[in-house]
N, C-alpha and C. Protein backbone atom coordinates (compact mmCIF):
# COMPACT_ATOMS: atom_id res chain seq x y z
N UNK A 1 1.51 -70.04 -24.78
CA UNK A 1 2.72 -70.58 -25.44
C UNK A 1 3.13 -70.91 -25.04
N UNK A 2 3.84 -72.15 -26.68
CA UNK A 2 3.77 -73.61 -26.36
C UNK A 2 5.72 -73.26 -25.41
N UNK A 3 6.87 -74.01 -24.41
CA UNK A 3 7.81 -73.88 -25.04
C UNK A 3 8.56 -74.56 -25.51
N UNK A 4 10.02 -74.61 -25.68
CA UNK A 4 10.47 -75.57 -26.83
C UNK A 4 11.25 -76.52 -26.19
N UNK A 5 11.68 -77.72 -26.36
CA UNK A 5 12.17 -78.59 -25.27
C UNK A 5 13.35 -79.15 -25.10
N UNK A 6 14.47 -78.39 -25.23
CA UNK A 6 15.18 -78.41 -25.40
C UNK A 6 15.63 -76.88 -23.92
N UNK A 7 17.25 -76.50 -23.62
CA UNK A 7 17.67 -75.81 -22.99
C UNK A 7 19.24 -75.44 -23.30
N UNK A 8 19.02 -74.00 -23.90
CA UNK A 8 20.63 -73.83 -24.23
C UNK A 8 20.91 -73.76 -22.46
N UNK A 9 22.52 -73.75 -23.28
CA UNK A 9 23.48 -74.27 -21.74
C UNK A 9 24.18 -73.42 -21.54
N UNK A 10 24.81 -72.45 -23.31
CA UNK A 10 26.42 -71.66 -22.71
C UNK A 10 25.91 -70.77 -23.90
N UNK A 11 26.87 -69.70 -24.08
CA UNK A 11 26.71 -69.60 -25.20
C UNK A 11 28.90 -69.96 -25.83
N UNK A 12 28.19 -70.56 -27.23
CA UNK A 12 29.37 -71.24 -27.69
C UNK A 12 30.27 -69.86 -28.81
N UNK A 13 29.63 -68.71 -28.77
CA UNK A 13 30.56 -68.62 -30.20
C UNK A 13 29.96 -66.62 -30.17
N UNK A 14 31.06 -66.12 -30.21
CA UNK A 14 30.08 -64.70 -30.40
C UNK A 14 30.81 -64.04 -31.86
N UNK A 15 31.04 -63.55 -32.55
CA UNK A 15 31.64 -63.38 -33.66
C UNK A 15 31.19 -61.72 -34.14
N UNK A 16 32.81 -60.74 -34.08
CA UNK A 16 32.30 -59.63 -34.95
C UNK A 16 33.06 -59.52 -36.72
N UNK A 17 32.30 -58.98 -36.69
CA UNK A 17 32.86 -58.83 -37.87
C UNK A 17 33.70 -57.49 -37.63
N UNK A 18 35.04 -57.25 -38.27
CA UNK A 18 35.54 -56.00 -37.62
C UNK A 18 36.05 -55.37 -39.33
N UNK A 19 36.81 -53.61 -38.86
CA UNK A 19 36.64 -52.75 -39.47
C UNK A 19 38.15 -53.01 -39.96
N UNK A 20 39.66 -53.15 -39.05
CA UNK A 20 40.36 -53.42 -39.17
C UNK A 20 40.61 -54.56 -38.02
N UNK A 21 41.12 -55.54 -38.87
CA UNK A 21 40.94 -56.98 -38.71
C UNK A 21 42.04 -57.31 -37.74
N UNK A 22 43.80 -56.38 -38.44
CA UNK A 22 45.03 -56.96 -37.35
C UNK A 22 44.58 -56.04 -36.36
N UNK A 23 44.61 -54.64 -35.81
CA UNK A 23 44.52 -54.42 -34.44
C UNK A 23 43.04 -54.79 -33.95
N UNK A 24 42.34 -55.22 -34.47
CA UNK A 24 41.72 -56.39 -33.04
C UNK A 24 42.21 -57.16 -33.30
N UNK A 25 42.77 -58.52 -33.44
CA UNK A 25 43.48 -59.52 -33.70
C UNK A 25 44.51 -59.13 -32.46
N UNK A 26 45.34 -58.15 -31.93
CA UNK A 26 45.68 -57.92 -31.74
C UNK A 26 45.07 -57.30 -29.87
N UNK A 27 44.33 -56.20 -30.19
CA UNK A 27 43.68 -56.02 -28.64
C UNK A 27 42.76 -57.39 -27.74
N UNK A 28 42.37 -57.71 -28.52
CA UNK A 28 41.96 -59.34 -27.95
C UNK A 28 43.65 -60.20 -27.80
N UNK A 29 43.88 -60.21 -27.93
CA UNK A 29 45.25 -60.67 -27.66
C UNK A 29 45.74 -60.10 -26.93
N UNK A 30 46.58 -58.71 -27.20
CA UNK A 30 47.36 -58.53 -26.06
C UNK A 30 46.60 -57.38 -24.73
N UNK A 31 45.92 -57.01 -25.11
CA UNK A 31 45.17 -56.34 -24.13
C UNK A 31 44.82 -56.76 -23.56
N UNK A 32 43.05 -57.94 -23.97
CA UNK A 32 41.96 -58.62 -23.19
C UNK A 32 42.73 -60.18 -22.70
N UNK A 33 43.42 -60.15 -23.29
CA UNK A 33 44.81 -62.04 -23.21
C UNK A 33 44.36 -62.72 -23.76
N UNK A 34 43.09 -63.28 -24.77
CA UNK A 34 42.63 -64.04 -25.08
C UNK A 34 43.57 -64.87 -25.56
N UNK A 35 42.99 -66.09 -25.81
CA UNK A 35 44.09 -66.72 -26.18
C UNK A 35 43.98 -67.59 -27.71
N UNK A 36 44.68 -67.09 -29.03
CA UNK A 36 45.02 -67.51 -30.37
C UNK A 36 44.28 -69.01 -30.91
N UNK A 37 42.99 -69.77 -31.20
CA UNK A 37 43.09 -71.05 -31.29
C UNK A 37 43.39 -71.46 -32.92
N UNK A 38 43.96 -70.06 -33.35
CA UNK A 38 44.80 -70.27 -35.25
C UNK A 38 45.45 -69.23 -35.10
N UNK A 39 46.39 -69.68 -36.42
CA UNK A 39 46.55 -68.15 -36.76
C UNK A 39 46.58 -67.32 -37.39
N UNK A 40 46.62 -65.63 -37.13
CA UNK A 40 45.64 -64.70 -38.12
C UNK A 40 46.32 -64.97 -39.16
N UNK A 41 47.65 -65.12 -39.38
CA UNK A 41 48.58 -64.67 -40.76
C UNK A 41 47.62 -66.00 -42.14
N UNK A 42 46.65 -67.29 -41.12
CA UNK A 42 46.99 -68.44 -42.24
C UNK A 42 44.91 -68.00 -42.61
N UNK A 43 44.27 -67.04 -41.72
CA UNK A 43 42.89 -67.34 -41.76
C UNK A 43 42.41 -65.98 -41.69
N UNK A 44 40.84 -65.48 -43.52
CA UNK A 44 40.63 -63.71 -42.13
C UNK A 44 39.08 -64.23 -41.29
N UNK A 45 39.73 -65.00 -40.89
CA UNK A 45 38.33 -65.45 -39.45
C UNK A 45 39.83 -66.04 -38.60
N UNK A 46 39.30 -65.53 -37.13
CA UNK A 46 40.58 -65.50 -36.15
C UNK A 46 39.32 -65.97 -34.84
N UNK A 47 39.97 -67.07 -34.38
CA UNK A 47 38.89 -67.35 -33.01
C UNK A 47 40.13 -67.29 -32.01
N UNK A 48 39.59 -67.13 -31.09
CA UNK A 48 39.97 -66.58 -29.62
C UNK A 48 38.99 -67.89 -28.93
N UNK A 49 40.27 -68.62 -27.60
CA UNK A 49 38.91 -69.55 -26.61
C UNK A 49 39.01 -68.12 -25.69
N UNK A 50 38.25 -68.29 -24.82
CA UNK A 50 37.18 -67.65 -23.59
C UNK A 50 36.95 -68.54 -22.62
N UNK A 51 36.51 -69.45 -22.88
CA UNK A 51 36.69 -70.86 -21.54
C UNK A 51 36.32 -72.27 -22.28
N UNK A 52 36.18 -72.94 -21.48
CA UNK A 52 36.33 -74.87 -21.91
C UNK A 52 34.83 -74.30 -22.87
N UNK A 53 33.44 -74.16 -21.51
CA UNK A 53 32.37 -73.70 -22.60
C UNK A 53 31.28 -74.94 -22.01
N UNK A 54 30.77 -75.42 -22.94
CA UNK A 54 29.50 -77.12 -22.48
C UNK A 54 29.59 -77.98 -23.20
N UNK A 55 29.93 -79.24 -22.93
CA UNK A 55 30.06 -80.58 -23.59
C UNK A 55 31.68 -80.27 -24.72
N UNK A 56 32.12 -79.57 -24.37
CA UNK A 56 33.33 -80.04 -25.51
C UNK A 56 33.21 -78.60 -26.59
N UNK A 57 32.18 -78.17 -26.43
CA UNK A 57 32.34 -76.57 -27.41
C UNK A 57 33.16 -75.83 -26.71
N UNK A 58 34.49 -75.51 -26.95
CA UNK A 58 34.99 -74.65 -26.18
C UNK A 58 34.10 -73.71 -26.61
N UNK A 59 34.08 -72.05 -25.34
CA UNK A 59 33.29 -70.81 -25.81
C UNK A 59 34.35 -69.75 -26.17
N UNK A 60 34.03 -69.31 -27.66
CA UNK A 60 34.79 -68.68 -28.58
C UNK A 60 34.53 -67.38 -28.95
N UNK A 61 35.78 -66.51 -28.79
CA UNK A 61 35.20 -64.71 -29.37
C UNK A 61 35.85 -64.82 -30.93
N UNK A 62 35.01 -64.93 -32.20
CA UNK A 62 35.38 -64.65 -33.26
C UNK A 62 35.68 -63.50 -34.26
N UNK A 63 36.29 -63.47 -35.09
CA UNK A 63 36.87 -62.39 -35.50
C UNK A 63 37.02 -62.10 -36.91
N UNK A 64 36.40 -61.87 -37.47
CA UNK A 64 35.90 -61.36 -39.04
C UNK A 64 36.26 -61.02 -39.51
N UNK A 65 37.50 -60.75 -40.97
CA UNK A 65 37.02 -59.44 -41.88
C UNK A 65 35.91 -59.45 -42.39
N UNK A 66 36.05 -58.54 -42.24
CA UNK A 66 34.03 -57.79 -42.85
C UNK A 66 33.69 -57.62 -43.93
N UNK A 67 34.84 -59.04 -44.84
CA UNK A 67 34.30 -58.64 -46.56
C UNK A 67 34.31 -60.10 -46.58
N UNK A 68 34.40 -61.25 -44.80
CA UNK A 68 34.74 -62.58 -45.84
C UNK A 68 33.28 -62.89 -45.20
N UNK A 69 32.21 -64.37 -45.86
CA UNK A 69 31.61 -65.16 -45.48
C UNK A 69 31.54 -65.85 -44.67
N UNK A 70 29.71 -65.82 -43.87
CA UNK A 70 30.42 -66.75 -42.50
C UNK A 70 29.27 -67.97 -42.65
N UNK A 71 29.27 -68.73 -41.78
CA UNK A 71 29.41 -70.04 -41.10
C UNK A 71 27.79 -69.53 -40.87
N UNK A 72 26.69 -70.41 -41.60
CA UNK A 72 25.57 -69.96 -41.76
C UNK A 72 24.54 -68.45 -42.69
N UNK A 73 25.64 -68.72 -43.96
CA UNK A 73 25.38 -68.10 -45.41
C UNK A 73 25.67 -66.64 -44.67
N UNK A 74 25.80 -65.83 -44.25
CA UNK A 74 26.33 -64.86 -44.08
C UNK A 74 27.27 -63.91 -44.35
N UNK A 75 26.17 -64.27 -45.61
CA UNK A 75 27.30 -62.80 -46.17
C UNK A 75 28.51 -62.01 -45.62
N UNK A 76 29.36 -61.18 -46.01
CA UNK A 76 30.28 -60.49 -46.04
C UNK A 76 30.17 -59.17 -46.89
N UNK A 77 30.73 -58.07 -46.65
CA UNK A 77 30.35 -57.05 -46.99
C UNK A 77 31.88 -55.83 -47.60
N UNK A 78 31.76 -55.50 -48.68
CA UNK A 78 32.45 -54.96 -49.11
C UNK A 78 32.64 -53.57 -48.18
N UNK A 79 31.16 -52.93 -47.98
CA UNK A 79 31.90 -52.20 -46.75
C UNK A 79 31.94 -52.11 -45.51
N UNK A 80 32.75 -51.43 -44.58
CA UNK A 80 32.63 -51.87 -43.35
C UNK A 80 31.60 -50.92 -41.79
N UNK A 81 31.63 -52.51 -41.00
CA UNK A 81 29.94 -52.51 -40.60
C UNK A 81 30.16 -50.78 -39.63
N UNK A 82 28.93 -51.19 -38.87
CA UNK A 82 28.96 -49.71 -37.98
C UNK A 82 29.20 -50.12 -36.68
N UNK A 83 29.83 -49.33 -35.88
CA UNK A 83 29.98 -49.53 -34.40
C UNK A 83 29.57 -48.86 -33.37
N UNK A 84 29.51 -48.53 -32.52
CA UNK A 84 29.11 -47.66 -31.53
C UNK A 84 27.89 -47.66 -31.60
N UNK A 85 27.12 -46.64 -31.37
CA UNK A 85 25.38 -46.87 -31.27
C UNK A 85 24.65 -46.54 -32.97
N UNK A 86 25.24 -46.86 -34.08
CA UNK A 86 24.91 -46.88 -35.17
C UNK A 86 25.14 -48.74 -35.42
N UNK A 87 25.68 -49.35 -34.59
CA UNK A 87 25.81 -50.80 -34.15
C UNK A 87 24.56 -51.63 -33.87
N UNK A 88 24.30 -53.10 -33.66
CA UNK A 88 23.31 -53.54 -33.83
C UNK A 88 24.08 -54.39 -31.87
N UNK A 89 25.36 -54.06 -31.98
CA UNK A 89 25.97 -54.25 -30.81
C UNK A 89 26.28 -53.86 -29.94
N UNK A 90 25.54 -53.61 -28.71
CA UNK A 90 25.38 -53.10 -27.01
C UNK A 90 27.19 -53.16 -26.94
N UNK A 91 27.36 -54.33 -26.31
CA UNK A 91 28.47 -54.34 -25.94
C UNK A 91 29.01 -55.48 -26.12
N UNK A 92 30.34 -56.35 -25.51
CA UNK A 92 30.41 -57.25 -25.31
C UNK A 92 31.40 -57.65 -23.80
N UNK A 93 30.34 -58.69 -22.69
CA UNK A 93 31.24 -58.88 -22.01
C UNK A 93 31.76 -59.82 -21.33
N UNK A 94 32.38 -59.70 -20.97
CA UNK A 94 34.05 -61.09 -20.58
C UNK A 94 33.53 -61.15 -19.07
N UNK A 95 33.09 -61.98 -18.88
CA UNK A 95 33.64 -62.39 -17.18
C UNK A 95 34.82 -63.19 -16.97
N UNK A 96 34.76 -62.56 -15.23
CA UNK A 96 36.35 -63.20 -14.81
C UNK A 96 36.20 -63.00 -13.43
N UNK A 97 37.22 -63.30 -12.17
CA UNK A 97 37.17 -63.25 -11.33
C UNK A 97 37.08 -61.53 -10.43
N UNK A 98 36.33 -61.64 -9.06
CA UNK A 98 36.18 -60.49 -8.57
C UNK A 98 37.53 -59.82 -8.09
N UNK A 99 38.32 -60.81 -8.07
CA UNK A 99 39.81 -60.76 -6.97
C UNK A 99 40.48 -60.07 -8.34
N UNK A 100 40.65 -59.88 -9.83
CA UNK A 100 40.99 -60.26 -11.13
C UNK A 100 40.46 -58.41 -11.40
N UNK A 101 39.44 -57.87 -10.83
CA UNK A 101 39.05 -56.63 -11.50
C UNK A 101 40.65 -55.44 -11.49
N UNK A 102 40.93 -55.14 -10.00
CA UNK A 102 42.16 -54.45 -9.77
C UNK A 102 43.58 -54.17 -11.10
N UNK A 103 43.72 -55.68 -11.30
CA UNK A 103 44.46 -56.07 -11.69
C UNK A 103 44.16 -55.75 -12.98
N UNK A 104 43.07 -55.68 -13.86
CA UNK A 104 42.42 -55.04 -15.09
C UNK A 104 42.97 -53.46 -14.87
N UNK A 105 42.08 -53.07 -14.47
CA UNK A 105 42.57 -51.67 -13.94
C UNK A 105 43.60 -51.08 -13.68
N UNK A 106 44.71 -51.32 -13.26
CA UNK A 106 46.64 -50.93 -13.39
C UNK A 106 46.26 -51.86 -14.86
N UNK A 107 46.26 -52.54 -15.29
CA UNK A 107 46.87 -53.75 -16.37
C UNK A 107 46.35 -52.15 -17.31
N UNK A 108 45.03 -51.30 -17.99
CA UNK A 108 44.86 -50.04 -18.51
C UNK A 108 45.05 -49.37 -17.88
N UNK A 109 45.75 -48.62 -16.81
CA UNK A 109 46.36 -47.56 -16.24
C UNK A 109 47.87 -48.12 -16.86
N UNK A 110 48.23 -48.33 -16.98
CA UNK A 110 49.19 -48.71 -18.09
C UNK A 110 49.99 -48.90 -19.08
N UNK A 111 48.45 -49.41 -20.15
CA UNK A 111 48.29 -49.28 -21.28
C UNK A 111 48.04 -47.89 -21.55
N UNK A 112 47.53 -46.99 -20.67
CA UNK A 112 46.76 -45.28 -21.57
C UNK A 112 46.11 -45.66 -21.74
N UNK A 113 44.98 -46.95 -21.78
CA UNK A 113 44.27 -47.07 -22.17
C UNK A 113 42.58 -46.35 -21.22
N UNK A 114 41.99 -45.62 -22.17
CA UNK A 114 40.37 -45.06 -20.94
C UNK A 114 39.34 -46.62 -20.44
N UNK A 115 38.76 -46.36 -19.26
CA UNK A 115 37.52 -47.39 -19.22
C UNK A 115 37.02 -46.36 -18.09
N UNK A 116 35.74 -47.18 -17.66
CA UNK A 116 34.42 -46.75 -16.98
C UNK A 116 34.30 -47.63 -16.36
N UNK A 117 33.92 -47.52 -15.14
CA UNK A 117 33.65 -49.34 -14.06
C UNK A 117 31.93 -48.54 -13.40
N UNK A 118 31.00 -50.03 -14.28
CA UNK A 118 29.71 -49.69 -13.35
C UNK A 118 29.76 -50.67 -12.43
N UNK A 119 28.75 -50.10 -11.48
CA UNK A 119 28.14 -51.62 -10.68
C UNK A 119 27.16 -51.74 -10.69
N UNK A 120 26.46 -52.90 -10.95
CA UNK A 120 24.77 -53.37 -10.98
C UNK A 120 24.96 -53.63 -10.24
N UNK A 121 24.56 -53.10 -9.03
CA UNK A 121 24.04 -53.31 -7.46
C UNK A 121 22.47 -54.44 -7.28
N UNK A 122 21.53 -54.92 -8.72
CA UNK A 122 20.33 -55.65 -8.56
C UNK A 122 21.26 -57.11 -8.73
N UNK A 123 22.52 -57.05 -9.09
CA UNK A 123 22.12 -58.91 -9.18
C UNK A 123 24.24 -58.67 -8.58
N UNK A 124 24.76 -57.47 -8.34
CA UNK A 124 25.95 -57.89 -7.71
C UNK A 124 27.54 -57.55 -8.41
N UNK A 125 27.09 -57.63 -9.75
CA UNK A 125 28.20 -57.43 -10.83
C UNK A 125 28.86 -55.77 -10.79
N UNK A 126 30.01 -56.51 -10.64
CA UNK A 126 30.81 -54.37 -10.90
C UNK A 126 31.29 -54.93 -12.73
N UNK A 127 31.17 -53.66 -13.51
CA UNK A 127 32.30 -54.13 -14.82
C UNK A 127 32.98 -52.86 -15.18
N UNK A 128 33.79 -53.51 -15.96
CA UNK A 128 35.39 -52.11 -16.10
C UNK A 128 34.75 -52.01 -17.71
N UNK A 129 34.50 -51.59 -18.58
CA UNK A 129 34.74 -50.78 -19.71
C UNK A 129 35.35 -50.02 -20.35
N UNK A 130 35.68 -50.67 -21.79
CA UNK A 130 36.31 -50.14 -22.36
C UNK A 130 35.93 -50.75 -23.86
N UNK A 131 37.08 -49.76 -25.23
CA UNK A 131 36.19 -49.80 -26.32
C UNK A 131 37.88 -50.37 -26.74
N UNK A 132 36.96 -51.34 -28.32
CA UNK A 132 38.78 -52.23 -28.57
C UNK A 132 38.91 -50.99 -29.85
N UNK A 133 39.78 -50.92 -31.51
CA UNK A 133 40.05 -50.50 -32.12
C UNK A 133 38.68 -50.27 -32.36
N UNK A 134 37.80 -50.57 -33.37
CA UNK A 134 36.97 -50.70 -34.03
C UNK A 134 36.05 -50.14 -33.43
N UNK A 135 35.98 -49.50 -31.95
CA UNK A 135 35.13 -48.61 -31.19
C UNK A 135 33.54 -49.35 -30.38
N UNK A 136 33.88 -50.58 -30.24
CA UNK A 136 33.07 -51.97 -29.45
C UNK A 136 33.20 -51.35 -28.09
N UNK A 137 31.89 -51.75 -27.31
CA UNK A 137 32.55 -51.40 -25.75
C UNK A 137 32.80 -52.69 -25.22
N UNK A 138 33.56 -52.77 -25.03
CA UNK A 138 33.99 -54.85 -24.38
C UNK A 138 33.87 -54.41 -22.97
N UNK A 139 33.58 -55.15 -21.94
CA UNK A 139 33.01 -54.95 -20.31
C UNK A 139 33.95 -56.53 -19.87
N UNK A 140 33.97 -56.60 -19.27
CA UNK A 140 35.58 -56.92 -18.28
C UNK A 140 34.62 -57.56 -17.04
N UNK A 141 33.75 -58.06 -16.61
CA UNK A 141 32.31 -58.00 -15.03
C UNK A 141 33.09 -59.44 -14.52
N UNK A 142 32.63 -58.66 -13.09
CA UNK A 142 32.70 -60.13 -12.00
C UNK A 142 30.98 -59.72 -11.32
N UNK A 143 31.21 -61.03 -10.77
CA UNK A 143 30.57 -61.15 -9.60
C UNK A 143 31.17 -60.33 -7.78
N UNK A 144 30.66 -59.15 -6.90
CA UNK A 144 30.47 -59.42 -5.77
C UNK A 144 30.52 -60.47 -5.02
N UNK A 145 31.56 -61.54 -4.23
CA UNK A 145 31.87 -62.37 -3.55
C UNK A 145 31.05 -62.61 -2.42
N UNK A 146 31.08 -61.25 -1.66
CA UNK A 146 30.13 -60.49 -0.73
C UNK A 146 29.00 -60.34 -1.46
N UNK A 147 27.67 -60.43 -2.15
CA UNK A 147 26.82 -59.76 -2.68
C UNK A 147 25.62 -61.18 -2.09
N UNK A 148 24.96 -60.82 -1.62
CA UNK A 148 24.12 -61.75 -1.27
C UNK A 148 22.87 -61.94 -1.98
């Protein structure tokens, strides 16, 4: 099979259709700590900065109200999307430093937020998994600096 003559370098955006848009904005801002790029009061689509990204395109998380049309001609829907096992999204993983994971667990404990920890020995990753207000699984993942 022929291969493409280009190379994908990074994820530019992850977009989620939200059931409870306001609660989702609050969660990713106040619990996960992402920075807003636009005013949630001004738009049914809210963008959060995740990281610098590649060649000037900031890596973002976009939260769409489920009834709003999105880029690429994707139609909105009057029906809220499925989440959990009813969704095509398995989970969303955001990377952070290994040393920050203890702070994540302390933060979740202070908030009373349930979480699970999983180790992926084959690559040296540890993930801290929780759920956002719409029921999507959110992982904060880091690589063990001692992994070889």
